[in-house]
Amino acid sequence: MNFNAKLCLTCGTLSAAISVALGAAGAHALANLPELSQSWFRTALQYQQFHAPGLLVAGLLADRLASRWITAAGWLMIAGTLLFSGNLYLRSLADFHALHAVTPFGGGAFILAWLALALGVLKR
């Protein structure tokens, strides 16, 4: 199995596990947070949970179809999770807003990841 496939599969499984842990912890800890912080946390969790299986798909495809587009899709999903979900977690849980301007770049990375995945499949 190539490096990119292993990276996507590893990051996908870890991201899924982390999202379950954060979801469980958040169910108890969110009650004391302001409504806006709760909303940011739920959005971060939803996008992380949606893209963890996406990383698994990218990893499985990267193992079967050698494609720079599929490789790019995996890296973009990782970047999107860190920039989008990671930033929203920081904003909601740590009241850290200094990096709020990078959140849209994470969302853009998610969109580009899915488009790259589609191109990788279509070109193979």
C-alpha atoms as a PDB file:
ATOM      1  CA  MET A   1       0.000   0.000   0.000  1.00  0.00           C
ATOM      2  CA  ASN A   2       1.384   3.400  -0.938  1.00  0.00           C
ATOM      3  CA  PHE A   3       2.075   6.254   1.479  1.00  0.00           C
ATOM      4  CA  ASN A   4      -0.871   8.431   0.440  1.00  0.00           C
ATOM      5  CA  ALA A   5      -3.330   5.562   0.811  1.00  0.00           C
ATOM      6  CA  LYS A   6      -1.983   4.767   4.287  1.00  0.00           C
ATOM      7  CA  LEU A   7      -2.068   8.428   5.269  1.00  0.00           C
ATOM      8  CA  CYS A   8      -5.679   8.878   4.190  1.00  0.00           C
ATOM      9  CA  LEU A   9      -6.826   5.653   5.816  1.00  0.00           C
ATOM     10  CA  THR A  10      -4.990   6.429   9.052  1.00  0.00           C
ATOM     11  CA  CYS A  11      -6.213  10.024   9.196  1.00  0.00           C
ATOM     12  CA  GLY A  12      -9.749   8.935   8.297  1.00  0.00           C
ATOM     13  CA  THR A  13      -9.954   6.354  11.054  1.00  0.00           C
ATOM     14  CA  LEU A  14      -8.364   8.684  13.624  1.00  0.00           C
ATOM     15  CA  SER A  15     -10.645  11.524  12.587  1.00  0.00           C
ATOM     16  CA  ALA A  16     -13.691   9.283  12.996  1.00  0.00           C
ATOM     17  CA  ALA A  17     -12.555   8.163  16.447  1.00  0.00           C
ATOM     18  CA  ILE A  18     -11.787  11.734  17.529  1.00  0.00           C
ATOM     19  CA  SER A  19     -15.166  12.941  16.283  1.00  0.00           C
ATOM     20  CA  VAL A  20     -16.962  10.262  18.316  1.00  0.00           C
ATOM     21  CA  ALA A  21     -14.987  11.230  21.420  1.00  0.00           C
ATOM     22  CA  LEU A  22     -15.629  14.946  20.858  1.00  0.00           C
ATOM     23  CA  GLY A  23     -19.299  14.296  20.206  1.00  0.00           C
ATOM     24  CA  ALA A  24     -19.647  12.364  23.449  1.00  0.00           C
ATOM     25  CA  ALA A  25     -17.717  14.953  25.453  1.00  0.00           C
ATOM     26  CA  GLY A  26     -19.556  17.786  23.755  1.00  0.00           C
ATOM     27  CA  ALA A  27     -22.926  16.320  24.645  1.00  0.00           C
ATOM     28  CA  HIS A  28     -22.052  16.906  28.294  1.00  0.00           C
ATOM     29  CA  ALA A  29     -19.872  20.014  28.127  1.00  0.00           C
ATOM     30  CA  LEU A  30     -21.859  22.113  25.649  1.00  0.00           C
ATOM     31  CA  ALA A  31     -24.689  22.925  28.034  1.00  0.00           C
ATOM     32  CA  ASN A  32     -22.608  25.626  29.716  1.00  0.00           C
ATOM     33  CA  LEU A  33     -21.449  27.268  26.484  1.00  0.00           C
ATOM     34  CA  PRO A  34     -23.225  30.159  24.751  1.00  0.00           C
ATOM     35  CA  GLU A  35     -25.560  29.157  21.924  1.00  0.00           C
ATOM     36  CA  LEU A  36     -23.189  30.494  19.238  1.00  0.00           C
ATOM     37  CA  SER A  37     -20.321  28.409  20.625  1.00  0.00           C
ATOM     38  CA  GLN A  38     -22.557  25.354  20.693  1.00  0.00           C
ATOM     39  CA  SER A  39     -23.471  25.973  17.060  1.00  0.00           C
ATOM     40  CA  TRP A  40     -19.811  26.276  16.030  1.00  0.00           C
ATOM     41  CA  PHE A  41     -18.995  23.035  17.848  1.00  0.00           C
ATOM     42  CA  ARG A  42     -21.871  21.140  16.225  1.00  0.00           C
ATOM     43  CA  THR A  43     -20.892  22.425  12.780  1.00  0.00           C
ATOM     44  CA  ALA A  44     -17.254  21.430  13.312  1.00  0.00           C
ATOM     45  CA  LEU A  45     -18.322  17.978  14.475  1.00  0.00           C
ATOM     46  CA  GLN A  46     -20.721  17.478  11.566  1.00  0.00           C
ATOM     47  CA  TYR A  47     -18.112  18.381   8.954  1.00  0.00           C
ATOM     48  CA  GLN A  48     -15.445  16.244  10.609  1.00  0.00           C
ATOM     49  CA  GLN A  49     -17.809  13.279  10.769  1.00  0.00           C
ATOM     50  CA  PHE A  50     -18.773  13.737   7.132  1.00  0.00           C
ATOM     51  CA  HIS A  51     -15.186  13.950   5.897  1.00  0.00           C
ATOM     52  CA  ALA A  52     -13.712  11.088   7.955  1.00  0.00           C
ATOM     53  CA  PRO A  53     -15.420   8.524   5.669  1.00  0.00           C
ATOM     54  CA  GLY A  54     -14.411  10.714   2.724  1.00  0.00           C
ATOM     55  CA  LEU A  55     -10.800  10.233   3.763  1.00  0.00           C
ATOM     56  CA  LEU A  56     -11.375   6.481   3.929  1.00  0.00           C
ATOM     57  CA  VAL A  57     -12.780   6.519   0.402  1.00  0.00           C
ATOM     58  CA  ALA A  58      -9.817   8.599  -0.809  1.00  0.00           C
ATOM     59  CA  GLY A  59      -7.437   6.138   0.869  1.00  0.00           C
ATOM     60  CA  LEU A  60      -9.063   3.099  -0.696  1.00  0.00           C
ATOM     61  CA  LEU A  61      -9.094   4.753  -4.110  1.00  0.00           C
ATOM     62  CA  ALA A  62      -5.483   5.928  -3.725  1.00  0.00           C
ATOM     63  CA  ASP A  63      -4.487   2.321  -3.139  1.00  0.00           C
ATOM     64  CA  ARG A  64      -6.266   1.084  -6.275  1.00  0.00           C
ATOM     65  CA  LEU A  65      -5.997   4.028  -8.675  1.00  0.00           C
ATOM     66  CA  ALA A  66      -2.716   5.883  -8.846  1.00  0.00           C
ATOM     67  CA  SER A  67      -3.892   9.441  -9.430  1.00  0.00           C
ATOM     68  CA  ARG A  68      -2.573  12.825  -8.428  1.00  0.00           C
ATOM     69  CA  TRP A  69      -6.193  13.998  -8.179  1.00  0.00           C
ATOM     70  CA  ILE A  70      -7.071  11.345  -5.612  1.00  0.00           C
ATOM     71  CA  THR A  71      -3.886  12.125  -3.682  1.00  0.00           C
ATOM     72  CA  ALA A  72      -4.815  15.804  -3.752  1.00  0.00           C
ATOM     73  CA  ALA A  73      -8.321  14.969  -2.538  1.00  0.00           C
ATOM     74  CA  GLY A  74      -6.947  13.220   0.536  1.00  0.00           C
ATOM     75  CA  TRP A  75      -4.593  16.056   1.392  1.00  0.00           C
ATOM     76  CA  LEU A  76      -7.368  18.614   0.870  1.00  0.00           C
ATOM     77  CA  MET A  77      -9.701  16.708   3.200  1.00  0.00           C
ATOM     78  CA  ILE A  78      -7.000  16.641   5.859  1.00  0.00           C
ATOM     79  CA  ALA A  79      -6.388  20.370   5.384  1.00  0.00           C
ATOM     80  CA  GLY A  80     -10.115  21.087   5.446  1.00  0.00           C
ATOM     81  CA  THR A  81     -10.581  19.168   8.680  1.00  0.00           C
ATOM     82  CA  LEU A  82      -7.745  21.047  10.362  1.00  0.00           C
ATOM     83  CA  LEU A  83      -8.644  24.485   9.035  1.00  0.00           C
ATOM     84  CA  PHE A  84     -12.434  24.293   9.172  1.00  0.00           C
ATOM     85  CA  SER A  85     -13.323  21.927  11.995  1.00  0.00           C
ATOM     86  CA  GLY A  86     -10.185  22.589  14.001  1.00  0.00           C
ATOM     87  CA  ASN A  87     -10.735  26.323  13.905  1.00  0.00           C
ATOM     88  CA  LEU A  88     -14.398  26.024  14.884  1.00  0.00           C
ATOM     89  CA  TYR A  89     -13.427  23.784  17.810  1.00  0.00           C
ATOM     90  CA  LEU A  90     -10.930  26.416  18.965  1.00  0.00           C
ATOM     91  CA  ARG A  91     -13.528  29.142  18.665  1.00  0.00           C
ATOM     92  CA  SER A  92     -16.214  27.212  20.513  1.00  0.00           C
ATOM     93  CA  LEU A  93     -14.198  25.564  23.275  1.00  0.00           C
ATOM     94  CA  ALA A  94     -11.243  27.896  23.868  1.00  0.00           C
ATOM     95  CA  ASP A  95     -12.833  31.200  22.808  1.00  0.00           C
ATOM     96  CA  PHE A  96      -9.852  31.592  20.453  1.00  0.00           C
ATOM     97  CA  HIS A  97     -10.814  33.738  17.479  1.00  0.00           C
ATOM     98  CA  ALA A  98      -7.453  34.882  16.113  1.00  0.00           C
ATOM     99  CA  LEU A  99      -7.589  32.438  13.184  1.00  0.00           C
ATOM    100  CA  HIS A 100     -11.259  32.831  12.281  1.00  0.00           C
ATOM    101  CA  ALA A 101     -10.305  34.101   8.808  1.00  0.00           C
ATOM    102  CA  VAL A 102      -8.936  30.659   7.830  1.00  0.00           C
ATOM    103  CA  THR A 103     -12.261  28.878   8.328  1.00  0.00           C
ATOM    104  CA  PRO A 104     -13.489  29.610   4.771  1.00  0.00           C
ATOM    105  CA  PHE A 105     -10.231  28.209   3.387  1.00  0.00           C
ATOM    106  CA  GLY A 106     -11.025  24.954   5.169  1.00  0.00           C
ATOM    107  CA  GLY A 107     -14.485  24.922   3.599  1.00  0.00           C
ATOM    108  CA  GLY A 108     -12.918  25.615   0.216  1.00  0.00           C
ATOM    109  CA  ALA A 109     -10.492  22.747   0.774  1.00  0.00           C
ATOM    110  CA  PHE A 110     -13.441  20.415   1.431  1.00  0.00           C
ATOM    111  CA  ILE A 111     -15.148  21.478  -1.804  1.00  0.00           C
ATOM    112  CA  LEU A 112     -11.946  21.123  -3.819  1.00  0.00           C
ATOM    113  CA  ALA A 113     -11.317  17.716  -2.232  1.00  0.00           C
ATOM    114  CA  TRP A 114     -14.608  16.327  -3.507  1.00  0.00           C
ATOM    115  CA  LEU A 115     -14.042  17.822  -6.944  1.00  0.00           C
ATOM    116  CA  ALA A 116     -10.514  16.379  -7.057  1.00  0.00           C
ATOM    117  CA  LEU A 117     -11.865  12.988  -6.025  1.00  0.00           C
ATOM    118  CA  ALA A 118     -14.395  13.115  -8.859  1.00  0.00           C
ATOM    119  CA  LEU A 119     -11.708  14.100 -11.349  1.00  0.00           C
ATOM    120  CA  GLY A 120      -9.446  11.315 -10.112  1.00  0.00           C
ATOM    121  CA  VAL A 121     -12.142   8.743 -10.682  1.00  0.00           C
ATOM    122  CA  LEU A 122     -13.201  10.156 -14.068  1.00  0.00           C
ATOM    123  CA  LYS A 123      -9.645  10.330 -15.398  1.00  0.00           C
ATOM    124  CA  ARG A 124      -8.877   6.703 -14.488  1.00  0.00           C
END
